[in-house]
Amino acid sequence: MTSTTDALVAALREQILSGELRPGEPLPEIAVADAFGVARPTVRSALQILAGRHLLHRPPGRTATVPVLTADDARDLHFVRAPLEHAAVTAIVERGLDVTPARRALAELEALPEEASWGERVQAHTAFHLALVDVVGSPRLSRVYRPLQEEMQLCLAQLRSTYPRPYDLAREHRVLLDAVTAGDADHAHATMRAHLAAAVRHFTQRR
């Protein structure tokens, strides 16, 4: 059963990842409580959870705000992310691992209707990357990688204008999965490098 706090976390998270709540936008406890018809302690708990997942910036005694990520933030995030995803690529290619979960996740991204929100596309994108790492079967790799996805989603949430057509995001990830499963390690790593570099480039060049 979903608690009121969990429901509020999910609702605010969707608004952040869809871009409905813009970078730098404040979320005063009273305003959030009034908007969702919940008690302030519930709001306080939800904001704390989102701050712990790096989806809100909440200094002690200050109003929570949607983080404003800089180009340096994006570069640093991908600096940490890249070795983990390349490790997954190496394992998949060298061990011939079954990537069916990643194929299913990509199919779900591709199947989203045109009217799907950007937040839904961000979520489906995340599910694909998590599945690709999880097929390696390394609990520690998955454990280290998973928390990074919250900030990765925050970056992607701010890139909606980079993917104006509904299928653009899915097409980019189809190219990546095809490369990873082609059996050529050099090609797989080159495609992953290009994929990660493009993510940083899109963020630093966004308007």
Foldseek 3Di string as FASTA:
>chain_A
DDDPLNVLLVVVLLCLLLCVAPAFRFDALVVSCVVVVHDSVSSVVSLVVCVVLVQWPDDPPDTIGGHDDALVNLVVLLVVQLVLLLVLLVLCLVVVFDLVQLVVLLVVLQPDDQPDGSSVNLVSLLSNSLSSSCSSVDPVSSVVNVSSSSVVSSLSSQLCVVQVGSCRVSVLVVVLVCQSNVNDSVSNSVSSVVSSVVSSVSSNPPD
